[in-house]
């Protein structure tokens, strides 16, 4: 999964609660990206 994909998924969902682009989506996307398994 590319690192930008969580933003593309989160922006429409979070825009429903008034948080389209900003700190909250960035923190959530970073957290989700860190949960991915490490591919070595």
N, C-alpha and C. Protein backbone atom coordinates (compact mmCIF):
# COMPACT_ATOMS: atom_id res chain seq x y z
N UNK A 1 0.85 -1.17 0.00
CA UNK A 1 0.00 0.00 0.00
C UNK A 1 0.90 1.24 0.00
N UNK A 2 0.73 2.11 -0.95
CA UNK A 2 1.54 3.33 -0.95
C UNK A 2 1.23 4.19 0.28
N UNK A 3 2.17 5.02 0.66
CA UNK A 3 1.99 5.80 1.88
C UNK A 3 0.93 6.88 1.74
N UNK A 4 0.51 7.21 0.52
CA UNK A 4 -0.50 8.25 0.32
C UNK A 4 -1.91 7.66 0.30
N UNK A 5 -2.03 6.37 0.18
CA UNK A 5 -3.34 5.72 0.08
C UNK A 5 -4.23 5.96 1.29
N UNK A 6 -3.73 5.92 2.52
CA UNK A 6 -4.63 6.20 3.65
C UNK A 6 -5.27 7.58 3.58
N UNK A 7 -4.55 8.57 3.06
CA UNK A 7 -5.15 9.90 2.93
C UNK A 7 -6.31 9.87 1.95
N UNK A 8 -6.14 9.16 0.84
CA UNK A 8 -7.21 9.07 -0.14
C UNK A 8 -8.45 8.37 0.39
N UNK A 9 -8.25 7.46 1.32
CA UNK A 9 -9.39 6.76 1.93
C UNK A 9 -10.00 7.56 3.08
N UNK A 10 -9.18 8.30 3.80
CA UNK A 10 -9.66 9.00 4.99
C UNK A 10 -10.33 10.33 4.69
N UNK A 11 -9.90 11.04 3.64
CA UNK A 11 -10.43 12.38 3.39
C UNK A 11 -11.94 12.37 3.16
N UNK A 12 -12.50 11.51 2.31
CA UNK A 12 -13.96 11.52 2.15
C UNK A 12 -14.71 11.14 3.43
N UNK A 13 -14.17 10.18 4.18
CA UNK A 13 -14.84 9.73 5.39
C UNK A 13 -14.79 10.82 6.46
N UNK A 14 -13.62 11.40 6.67
CA UNK A 14 -13.48 12.42 7.71
C UNK A 14 -14.11 13.75 7.32
N UNK A 15 -14.34 13.98 6.03
CA UNK A 15 -15.00 15.22 5.64
C UNK A 15 -16.46 15.22 6.07
N UNK A 16 -17.01 14.05 6.36
CA UNK A 16 -18.39 13.99 6.86
C UNK A 16 -18.50 14.58 8.26
N UNK A 17 -17.41 14.55 9.02
CA UNK A 17 -17.44 15.14 10.37
C UNK A 17 -16.68 16.46 10.42
N UNK A 18 -16.39 17.02 9.27
CA UNK A 18 -15.74 18.33 9.23
C UNK A 18 -14.24 18.30 9.36
N UNK A 19 -13.59 17.17 9.13
CA UNK A 19 -12.13 17.05 9.25
C UNK A 19 -11.54 16.52 7.95
N UNK A 20 -11.81 17.18 6.83
CA UNK A 20 -11.39 16.66 5.53
C UNK A 20 -9.89 16.52 5.38
N UNK A 21 -9.16 17.63 5.48
CA UNK A 21 -7.70 17.63 5.35
C UNK A 21 -7.15 18.41 6.52
N UNK A 22 -6.24 17.84 7.25
CA UNK A 22 -5.68 18.54 8.40
C UNK A 22 -4.89 17.62 9.29
N UNK A 23 -4.82 17.99 10.56
CA UNK A 23 -4.00 17.26 11.51
C UNK A 23 -4.58 15.88 11.83
N UNK A 24 -5.86 15.80 12.07
CA UNK A 24 -6.47 14.52 12.44
C UNK A 24 -6.29 13.45 11.36
N UNK A 25 -6.60 13.73 10.09
CA UNK A 25 -6.35 12.70 9.07
C UNK A 25 -4.87 12.33 8.94
N UNK A 26 -3.98 13.30 9.13
CA UNK A 26 -2.55 13.00 9.04
C UNK A 26 -2.12 12.06 10.16
N UNK A 27 -2.61 12.30 11.35
CA UNK A 27 -2.24 11.44 12.49
C UNK A 27 -2.82 10.04 12.31
N UNK A 28 -4.08 9.96 11.87
CA UNK A 28 -4.71 8.65 11.67
C UNK A 28 -4.00 7.88 10.56
N UNK A 29 -3.68 8.55 9.45
CA UNK A 29 -3.00 7.88 8.34
C UNK A 29 -1.60 7.42 8.76
N UNK A 30 -0.90 8.24 9.54
CA UNK A 30 0.42 7.84 10.01
C UNK A 30 0.32 6.63 10.93
N UNK A 31 -0.67 6.62 11.81
CA UNK A 31 -0.85 5.48 12.70
C UNK A 31 -1.16 4.21 11.90
N UNK A 32 -2.05 4.32 10.91
CA UNK A 32 -2.38 3.15 10.10
C UNK A 32 -1.18 2.67 9.29
N UNK A 33 -0.38 3.62 8.79
CA UNK A 33 0.78 3.24 8.01
C UNK A 33 1.83 2.54 8.87
N UNK A 34 1.93 2.93 10.14
CA UNK A 34 2.89 2.28 11.03
C UNK A 34 2.43 0.89 11.44
N UNK A 35 1.17 0.58 11.27
CA UNK A 35 0.65 -0.74 11.64
C UNK A 35 0.91 -1.79 10.55
N UNK A 36 1.33 -1.36 9.37
CA UNK A 36 1.59 -2.31 8.29
C UNK A 36 2.80 -3.18 8.63
N UNK A 37 2.78 -4.43 8.20
CA UNK A 37 3.94 -5.29 8.46
C UNK A 37 5.18 -4.79 7.72
N UNK A 38 6.31 -4.99 8.33
CA UNK A 38 7.57 -4.57 7.75
C UNK A 38 8.00 -5.56 6.67
N UNK A 39 8.17 -5.04 5.44
CA UNK A 39 8.63 -5.91 4.34
C UNK A 39 10.11 -5.73 4.17
N UNK A 40 10.89 -6.71 4.58
CA UNK A 40 12.35 -6.63 4.47
C UNK A 40 12.84 -7.45 3.29
